[in-house]
């Protein structure tokens, strides 16, 4: 019997204390699902649980760059149905950037998702799903992020390869444009954030920045549509078509 809701499904979100991950947690609970959220900050996780208003939410501190912590995390939580892996912090720069900049997206975004799948799959329901997260820069790169574009493209290719390797577990990718969250430009002054958001409105067809709940809606669709796998969806306001 196909599942078109998350009712009674257990959803694991690595990076679920803010932004798109938190919005996915909220929509999961609204559909009657159970949520496990993991992140680096216990304080943020506690605030997320309070904001969601559900004492049944399981929270775990986790550095998703640490392979041993990831392995221990999945050993602790046991069986589940769906995995979403949005948590990442990185910088981008031109090809002349230092090696640390060039590697930052792979170190913070590609490998953590790769290892999360590696250690999470043994505990997954075979009728479940994995949703990875890349970014629309993969399809429409600007002039200041060669390694960032390559990383997002690699995640989208990884999604296809895993869909083949792990079937019948479904694997898809969400590749959003700029989404209005507190995570973007973390530590930057509000004026800097506002300027960046304003610039993005001129880069897409809809003329506005997206919202976390819109990207979350796409993620939940990929979890609940039992006949979609190996796909990448772009909730980007038409960024890649501009």
C-alpha atoms as a PDB file:
ATOM      1  CA  UNK A   1       0.000   0.000   0.000  1.00  0.00           C
ATOM      2  CA  UNK A   2       1.561   3.328  -1.051  1.00  0.00           C
ATOM      3  CA  UNK A   3       2.157   6.058   1.540  1.00  0.00           C
ATOM      4  CA  UNK A   4       1.148   9.567   0.506  1.00  0.00           C
ATOM      5  CA  UNK A   5       1.456  11.034   3.980  1.00  0.00           C
ATOM      6  CA  UNK A   6       4.022  10.827   6.745  1.00  0.00           C
ATOM      7  CA  UNK A   7       1.523   9.549   9.299  1.00  0.00           C
ATOM      8  CA  UNK A   8       3.222   7.073  11.649  1.00  0.00           C
ATOM      9  CA  UNK A   9       6.466   7.480   9.708  1.00  0.00           C
ATOM     10  CA  UNK A  10       9.755   8.198  11.509  1.00  0.00           C
ATOM     11  CA  UNK A  11      11.703  10.994   9.834  1.00  0.00           C
ATOM     12  CA  UNK A  12      15.351  11.747  10.630  1.00  0.00           C
ATOM     13  CA  UNK A  13      16.553  15.282   9.858  1.00  0.00           C
ATOM     14  CA  UNK A  14      20.248  16.094  10.220  1.00  0.00           C
ATOM     15  CA  UNK A  15      20.269  19.867  10.503  1.00  0.00           C
ATOM     16  CA  UNK A  16      16.712  20.078  11.758  1.00  0.00           C
ATOM     17  CA  UNK A  17      16.999  22.872  14.315  1.00  0.00           C
ATOM     18  CA  UNK A  18      16.603  25.729  11.814  1.00  0.00           C
ATOM     19  CA  UNK A  19      15.748  26.678   8.252  1.00  0.00           C
ATOM     20  CA  UNK A  20      14.466  24.107   5.778  1.00  0.00           C
ATOM     21  CA  UNK A  21      15.124  21.206   8.147  1.00  0.00           C
ATOM     22  CA  UNK A  22      12.996  22.757  10.873  1.00  0.00           C
ATOM     23  CA  UNK A  23      10.216  23.462   8.373  1.00  0.00           C
ATOM     24  CA  UNK A  24      10.295  19.802   7.280  1.00  0.00           C
ATOM     25  CA  UNK A  25      10.024  18.765  10.941  1.00  0.00           C
ATOM     26  CA  UNK A  26       6.956  20.974  11.336  1.00  0.00           C
ATOM     27  CA  UNK A  27       5.238  19.584   8.246  1.00  0.00           C
ATOM     28  CA  UNK A  28       6.064  16.034   9.302  1.00  0.00           C
ATOM     29  CA  UNK A  29       4.396  16.557  12.679  1.00  0.00           C
ATOM     30  CA  UNK A  30       1.381  18.144  10.982  1.00  0.00           C
ATOM     31  CA  UNK A  31       0.988  14.938   8.965  1.00  0.00           C
ATOM     32  CA  UNK A  32       1.198  12.752  12.069  1.00  0.00           C
ATOM     33  CA  UNK A  33       4.812  11.678  11.658  1.00  0.00           C
ATOM     34  CA  UNK A  34       7.527  11.215  14.257  1.00  0.00           C
ATOM     35  CA  UNK A  35      10.627  13.402  14.119  1.00  0.00           C
ATOM     36  CA  UNK A  36      14.266  12.925  15.051  1.00  0.00           C
ATOM     37  CA  UNK A  37      16.341  16.098  14.660  1.00  0.00           C
ATOM     38  CA  UNK A  38      20.104  16.336  15.003  1.00  0.00           C
ATOM     39  CA  UNK A  39      22.464  19.297  15.015  1.00  0.00           C
ATOM     40  CA  UNK A  40      25.595  20.723  16.586  1.00  0.00           C
ATOM     41  CA  UNK A  41      23.934  23.003  19.145  1.00  0.00           C
ATOM     42  CA  UNK A  42      21.892  21.514  21.991  1.00  0.00           C
ATOM     43  CA  UNK A  43      20.504  24.974  22.742  1.00  0.00           C
ATOM     44  CA  UNK A  44      19.174  25.337  19.180  1.00  0.00           C
ATOM     45  CA  UNK A  45      17.745  21.830  19.283  1.00  0.00           C
ATOM     46  CA  UNK A  46      15.912  22.565  22.542  1.00  0.00           C
ATOM     47  CA  UNK A  47      14.530  25.814  21.105  1.00  0.00           C
ATOM     48  CA  UNK A  48      13.413  23.962  17.975  1.00  0.00           C
ATOM     49  CA  UNK A  49      11.572  21.382  20.055  1.00  0.00           C
ATOM     50  CA  UNK A  50       9.916  24.159  22.052  1.00  0.00           C
ATOM     51  CA  UNK A  51       8.923  26.025  18.877  1.00  0.00           C
ATOM     52  CA  UNK A  52       7.477  22.849  17.373  1.00  0.00           C
ATOM     53  CA  UNK A  53       5.480  22.337  20.567  1.00  0.00           C
ATOM     54  CA  UNK A  54       5.941  18.587  20.644  1.00  0.00           C
ATOM     55  CA  UNK A  55       7.679  16.940  23.585  1.00  0.00           C
ATOM     56  CA  UNK A  56       7.816  13.681  21.656  1.00  0.00           C
ATOM     57  CA  UNK A  57      10.472  15.004  19.282  1.00  0.00           C
ATOM     58  CA  UNK A  58      13.812  13.246  19.711  1.00  0.00           C
ATOM     59  CA  UNK A  59      16.864  15.518  19.635  1.00  0.00           C
ATOM     60  CA  UNK A  60      20.543  14.568  19.331  1.00  0.00           C
ATOM     61  CA  UNK A  61      23.702  16.659  19.233  1.00  0.00           C
ATOM     62  CA  UNK A  62      25.754  15.673  16.213  1.00  0.00           C
ATOM     63  CA  UNK A  63      28.681  17.009  14.204  1.00  0.00           C
ATOM     64  CA  UNK A  64      27.833  15.595  10.797  1.00  0.00           C
ATOM     65  CA  UNK A  65      31.420  16.060   9.610  1.00  0.00           C
ATOM     66  CA  UNK A  66      32.556  13.507  12.166  1.00  0.00           C
ATOM     67  CA  UNK A  67      32.196  10.020  10.693  1.00  0.00           C
ATOM     68  CA  UNK A  68      32.334   8.266  14.058  1.00  0.00           C
ATOM     69  CA  UNK A  69      29.632  10.529  15.480  1.00  0.00           C
ATOM     70  CA  UNK A  70      27.415   9.771  12.478  1.00  0.00           C
ATOM     71  CA  UNK A  71      27.889   6.038  12.912  1.00  0.00           C
ATOM     72  CA  UNK A  72      27.110   6.228  16.632  1.00  0.00           C
ATOM     73  CA  UNK A  73      24.076   8.425  15.956  1.00  0.00           C
ATOM     74  CA  UNK A  74      22.428   5.873  13.665  1.00  0.00           C
ATOM     75  CA  UNK A  75      23.325   3.026  16.001  1.00  0.00           C
ATOM     76  CA  UNK A  76      21.491   4.901  18.778  1.00  0.00           C
ATOM     77  CA  UNK A  77      18.318   5.873  16.937  1.00  0.00           C
ATOM     78  CA  UNK A  78      17.638   2.505  15.313  1.00  0.00           C
ATOM     79  CA  UNK A  79      15.028   1.963  12.601  1.00  0.00           C
ATOM     80  CA  UNK A  80      13.400   4.813  10.681  1.00  0.00           C
ATOM     81  CA  UNK A  81      11.590   5.571   7.413  1.00  0.00           C
ATOM     82  CA  UNK A  82      12.991   8.747   5.881  1.00  0.00           C
ATOM     83  CA  UNK A  83      16.254  10.703   5.982  1.00  0.00           C
ATOM     84  CA  UNK A  84      16.761  14.372   5.106  1.00  0.00           C
ATOM     85  CA  UNK A  85      20.251  15.893   5.249  1.00  0.00           C
ATOM     86  CA  UNK A  86      20.151  19.705   4.857  1.00  0.00           C
ATOM     87  CA  UNK A  87      22.721  20.721   7.486  1.00  0.00           C
ATOM     88  CA  UNK A  88      25.883  22.412   6.115  1.00  0.00           C
ATOM     89  CA  UNK A  89      28.046  25.481   6.633  1.00  0.00           C
ATOM     90  CA  UNK A  90      30.551  26.481   3.944  1.00  0.00           C
ATOM     91  CA  UNK A  91      31.962  29.349   1.880  1.00  0.00           C
ATOM     92  CA  UNK A  92      32.349  29.809  -1.837  1.00  0.00           C
ATOM     93  CA  UNK A  93      34.908  31.620  -3.928  1.00  0.00           C
ATOM     94  CA  UNK A  94      36.521  31.791  -7.401  1.00  0.00           C
ATOM     95  CA  UNK A  95      39.028  29.276  -8.745  1.00  0.00           C
ATOM     96  CA  UNK A  96      41.849  31.430  -7.330  1.00  0.00           C
ATOM     97  CA  UNK A  97      40.585  30.913  -3.757  1.00  0.00           C
ATOM     98  CA  UNK A  98      42.604  29.134  -1.116  1.00  0.00           C
ATOM     99  CA  UNK A  99      42.318  25.361  -0.947  1.00  0.00           C
ATOM    100  CA  UNK A 100      40.283  25.593   2.269  1.00  0.00           C
ATOM    101  CA  UNK A 101      37.612  27.569   0.412  1.00  0.00           C
ATOM    102  CA  UNK A 102      37.647  25.148  -2.520  1.00  0.00           C
ATOM    103  CA  UNK A 103      37.197  22.184  -0.192  1.00  0.00           C
ATOM    104  CA  UNK A 104      34.700  23.743   2.201  1.00  0.00           C
ATOM    105  CA  UNK A 105      31.525  22.705   0.358  1.00  0.00           C
ATOM    106  CA  UNK A 106      32.742  19.144  -0.150  1.00  0.00           C
ATOM    107  CA  UNK A 107      33.865  18.879   3.473  1.00  0.00           C
ATOM    108  CA  UNK A 108      30.678  20.398   4.906  1.00  0.00           C
ATOM    109  CA  UNK A 109      28.010  19.386   2.407  1.00  0.00           C
ATOM    110  CA  UNK A 110      29.000  16.453   0.161  1.00  0.00           C
ATOM    111  CA  UNK A 111      30.869  14.082   2.476  1.00  0.00           C
ATOM    112  CA  UNK A 112      28.525  14.525   5.477  1.00  0.00           C
ATOM    113  CA  UNK A 113      25.561  13.536   3.292  1.00  0.00           C
ATOM    114  CA  UNK A 114      27.487  10.653   1.736  1.00  0.00           C
ATOM    115  CA  UNK A 115      28.425   9.271   5.141  1.00  0.00           C
ATOM    116  CA  UNK A 116      24.956   9.866   6.594  1.00  0.00           C
ATOM    117  CA  UNK A 117      23.508   7.629   3.892  1.00  0.00           C
ATOM    118  CA  UNK A 118      26.269   5.045   4.341  1.00  0.00           C
ATOM    119  CA  UNK A 119      25.599   4.628   8.053  1.00  0.00           C
ATOM    120  CA  UNK A 120      21.853   5.263   7.960  1.00  0.00           C
ATOM    121  CA  UNK A 121      20.817   2.793   5.252  1.00  0.00           C
ATOM    122  CA  UNK A 122      21.168  -0.360   7.400  1.00  0.00           C
ATOM    123  CA  UNK A 123      18.420   0.993   9.680  1.00  0.00           C
ATOM    124  CA  UNK A 124      16.039   2.195   6.958  1.00  0.00           C
ATOM    125  CA  UNK A 125      12.640   0.822   6.073  1.00  0.00           C
ATOM    126  CA  UNK A 126      13.021  -0.520   2.490  1.00  0.00           C
ATOM    127  CA  UNK A 127       9.846   1.386   1.590  1.00  0.00           C
ATOM    128  CA  UNK A 128      11.384   4.624   2.859  1.00  0.00           C
ATOM    129  CA  UNK A 129      13.326   7.409   1.224  1.00  0.00           C
ATOM    130  CA  UNK A 130      16.368   9.655   1.363  1.00  0.00           C
ATOM    131  CA  UNK A 131      16.332  13.307   0.338  1.00  0.00           C
ATOM    132  CA  UNK A 132      19.714  14.929  -0.193  1.00  0.00           C
ATOM    133  CA  UNK A 133      20.199  18.666  -0.646  1.00  0.00           C
ATOM    134  CA  UNK A 134      22.277  20.426  -3.292  1.00  0.00           C
ATOM    135  CA  UNK A 135      21.621  23.902  -4.695  1.00  0.00           C
ATOM    136  CA  UNK A 136      20.516  25.533  -7.948  1.00  0.00           C
ATOM    137  CA  UNK A 137      24.050  26.894  -8.426  1.00  0.00           C
ATOM    138  CA  UNK A 138      24.778  23.458  -9.900  1.00  0.00           C
ATOM    139  CA  UNK A 139      22.716  24.316 -12.986  1.00  0.00           C
ATOM    140  CA  UNK A 140      23.356  28.045 -13.167  1.00  0.00           C
ATOM    141  CA  UNK A 141      26.720  28.920 -11.619  1.00  0.00           C
ATOM    142  CA  UNK A 142      27.838  32.508 -11.245  1.00  0.00           C
ATOM    143  CA  UNK A 143      31.430  33.700 -11.552  1.00  0.00           C
ATOM    144  CA  UNK A 144      32.541  33.179  -7.973  1.00  0.00           C
ATOM    145  CA  UNK A 145      32.013  29.553  -7.064  1.00  0.00           C
ATOM    146  CA  UNK A 146      33.550  26.856  -9.269  1.00  0.00           C
ATOM    147  CA  UNK A 147      34.014  24.351  -6.436  1.00  0.00           C
ATOM    148  CA  UNK A 148      30.601  25.207  -4.973  1.00  0.00           C
ATOM    149  CA  UNK A 149      28.905  24.483  -8.308  1.00  0.00           C
ATOM    150  CA  UNK A 150      30.902  21.276  -8.664  1.00  0.00           C
ATOM    151  CA  UNK A 151      29.923  20.133  -5.176  1.00  0.00           C
ATOM    152  CA  UNK A 152      26.211  20.651  -5.808  1.00  0.00           C
ATOM    153  CA  UNK A 153      26.497  18.850  -9.133  1.00  0.00           C
ATOM    154  CA  UNK A 154      28.239  15.976  -7.371  1.00  0.00           C
ATOM    155  CA  UNK A 155      25.395  15.686  -4.855  1.00  0.00           C
ATOM    156  CA  UNK A 156      22.842  15.507  -7.665  1.00  0.00           C
ATOM    157  CA  UNK A 157      24.857  12.759  -9.365  1.00  0.00           C
ATOM    158  CA  UNK A 158      25.181  10.974  -6.027  1.00  0.00           C
ATOM    159  CA  UNK A 159      21.401  11.003  -5.686  1.00  0.00           C
ATOM    160  CA  UNK A 160      20.985   9.236  -9.025  1.00  0.00           C
ATOM    161  CA  UNK A 161      23.673   6.666  -8.257  1.00  0.00           C
ATOM    162  CA  UNK A 162      22.203   5.900  -4.840  1.00  0.00           C
ATOM    163  CA  UNK A 163      18.703   5.541  -6.304  1.00  0.00           C
ATOM    164  CA  UNK A 164      20.074   2.728  -8.460  1.00  0.00           C
ATOM    165  CA  UNK A 165      22.224   1.148  -5.745  1.00  0.00           C
ATOM    166  CA  UNK A 166      19.742   1.295  -2.866  1.00  0.00           C
ATOM    167  CA  UNK A 167      16.428   0.496  -4.592  1.00  0.00           C
ATOM    168  CA  UNK A 168      13.721  -0.044  -3.434  1.00  0.00           C
ATOM    169  CA  UNK A 169      14.735   2.729  -1.007  1.00  0.00           C
ATOM    170  CA  UNK A 170      14.002   5.890  -2.963  1.00  0.00           C
ATOM    171  CA  UNK A 171      16.682   8.593  -3.226  1.00  0.00           C
ATOM    172  CA  UNK A 172      16.014  12.108  -4.489  1.00  0.00           C
ATOM    173  CA  UNK A 173      17.584  15.562  -4.261  1.00  0.00           C
ATOM    174  CA  UNK A 174      16.156  18.968  -3.470  1.00  0.00           C
ATOM    175  CA  UNK A 175      18.108  21.789  -5.127  1.00  0.00           C
ATOM    176  CA  UNK A 176      16.709  25.099  -3.867  1.00  0.00           C
ATOM    177  CA  UNK A 177      17.551  28.619  -4.833  1.00  0.00           C
ATOM    178  CA  UNK A 178      18.066  31.225  -2.133  1.00  0.00           C
ATOM    179  CA  UNK A 179      15.705  30.578   0.757  1.00  0.00           C
ATOM    180  CA  UNK A 180      15.025  33.186   3.451  1.00  0.00           C
ATOM    181  CA  UNK A 181      16.403  31.613   6.629  1.00  0.00           C
ATOM    182  CA  UNK A 182      18.469  32.778   9.583  1.00  0.00           C
ATOM    183  CA  UNK A 183      21.178  30.351   8.475  1.00  0.00           C
ATOM    184  CA  UNK A 184      22.114  32.303   5.349  1.00  0.00           C
ATOM    185  CA  UNK A 185      25.201  34.488   5.765  1.00  0.00           C
ATOM    186  CA  UNK A 186      25.399  33.424   9.406  1.00  0.00           C
ATOM    187  CA  UNK A 187      27.097  36.116  11.479  1.00  0.00           C
ATOM    188  CA  UNK A 188      26.658  38.791   8.802  1.00  0.00           C
ATOM    189  CA  UNK A 189      24.962  42.092   9.553  1.00  0.00           C
ATOM    190  CA  UNK A 190      21.319  42.351   8.571  1.00  0.00           C
ATOM    191  CA  UNK A 191      22.133  44.980   5.924  1.00  0.00           C
ATOM    192  CA  UNK A 192      24.452  42.496   4.201  1.00  0.00           C
ATOM    193  CA  UNK A 193      21.768  39.814   4.250  1.00  0.00           C
ATOM    194  CA  UNK A 194      19.129  42.179   2.919  1.00  0.00           C
ATOM    195  CA  UNK A 195      21.402  43.252   0.065  1.00  0.00           C
ATOM    196  CA  UNK A 196      22.044  39.636  -0.895  1.00  0.00           C
ATOM    197  CA  UNK A 197      18.331  38.805  -0.798  1.00  0.00           C
ATOM    198  CA  UNK A 198      17.525  41.865  -2.910  1.00  0.00           C
ATOM    199  CA  UNK A 199      20.088  40.807  -5.504  1.00  0.00           C
ATOM    200  CA  UNK A 200      18.558  37.334  -5.706  1.00  0.00           C
ATOM    201  CA  UNK A 201      15.114  38.729  -6.486  1.00  0.00           C
ATOM    202  CA  UNK A 202      16.571  40.008  -9.768  1.00  0.00           C
ATOM    203  CA  UNK A 203      18.010  36.611 -10.645  1.00  0.00           C
ATOM    204  CA  UNK A 204      14.840  34.518 -10.803  1.00  0.00           C
ATOM    205  CA  UNK A 205      11.520  34.582 -12.622  1.00  0.00           C
ATOM    206  CA  UNK A 206       9.256  35.108  -9.615  1.00  0.00           C
ATOM    207  CA  UNK A 207      11.144  38.145  -8.340  1.00  0.00           C
ATOM    208  CA  UNK A 208      11.358  37.105  -4.692  1.00  0.00           C
ATOM    209  CA  UNK A 209      13.309  34.987  -2.240  1.00  0.00           C
ATOM    210  CA  UNK A 210      11.825  31.624  -1.319  1.00  0.00           C
ATOM    211  CA  UNK A 211      10.590  30.578   2.115  1.00  0.00           C
ATOM    212  CA  UNK A 212      11.646  27.565   4.139  1.00  0.00           C
ATOM    213  CA  UNK A 213       8.130  26.118   4.145  1.00  0.00           C
ATOM    214  CA  UNK A 214       8.144  26.096   0.324  1.00  0.00           C
ATOM    215  CA  UNK A 215      11.379  24.113   0.137  1.00  0.00           C
ATOM    216  CA  UNK A 216      10.057  21.859   2.914  1.00  0.00           C
ATOM    217  CA  UNK A 217       6.904  21.176   0.901  1.00  0.00           C
ATOM    218  CA  UNK A 218       9.096  19.918  -1.960  1.00  0.00           C
ATOM    219  CA  UNK A 219      11.046  17.722   0.445  1.00  0.00           C
ATOM    220  CA  UNK A 220       7.890  16.191   1.918  1.00  0.00           C
ATOM    221  CA  UNK A 221       6.602  15.497  -1.604  1.00  0.00           C
ATOM    222  CA  UNK A 222       9.785  13.543  -2.351  1.00  0.00           C
ATOM    223  CA  UNK A 223       9.331  11.565   0.848  1.00  0.00           C
ATOM    224  CA  UNK A 224       5.687  10.723   0.254  1.00  0.00           C
ATOM    225  CA  UNK A 225       5.485  10.073  -3.489  1.00  0.00           C
ATOM    226  CA  UNK A 226       6.256   6.382  -3.725  1.00  0.00           C
ATOM    227  CA  UNK A 227       6.960   6.457  -7.469  1.00  0.00           C
ATOM    228  CA  UNK A 228       9.613   9.190  -7.553  1.00  0.00           C
ATOM    229  CA  UNK A 229      13.281   8.260  -7.300  1.00  0.00           C
ATOM    230  CA  UNK A 230      16.542   9.459  -8.821  1.00  0.00           C
ATOM    231  CA  UNK A 231      15.063  12.927  -9.360  1.00  0.00           C
ATOM    232  CA  UNK A 232      16.267  16.427  -8.543  1.00  0.00           C
ATOM    233  CA  UNK A 233      13.647  19.113  -7.929  1.00  0.00           C
ATOM    234  CA  UNK A 234      14.399  22.840  -8.048  1.00  0.00           C
ATOM    235  CA  UNK A 235      12.275  25.051  -5.775  1.00  0.00           C
ATOM    236  CA  UNK A 236      14.190  28.101  -6.968  1.00  0.00           C
ATOM    237  CA  UNK A 237      11.604  30.605  -8.206  1.00  0.00           C
ATOM    238  CA  UNK A 238      12.834  30.027 -11.766  1.00  0.00           C
ATOM    239  CA  UNK A 239      16.478  30.859 -11.003  1.00  0.00           C
ATOM    240  CA  UNK A 240      17.844  28.270 -13.408  1.00  0.00           C
ATOM    241  CA  UNK A 241      15.630  29.602 -16.242  1.00  0.00           C
ATOM    242  CA  UNK A 242      16.418  33.292 -15.917  1.00  0.00           C
END
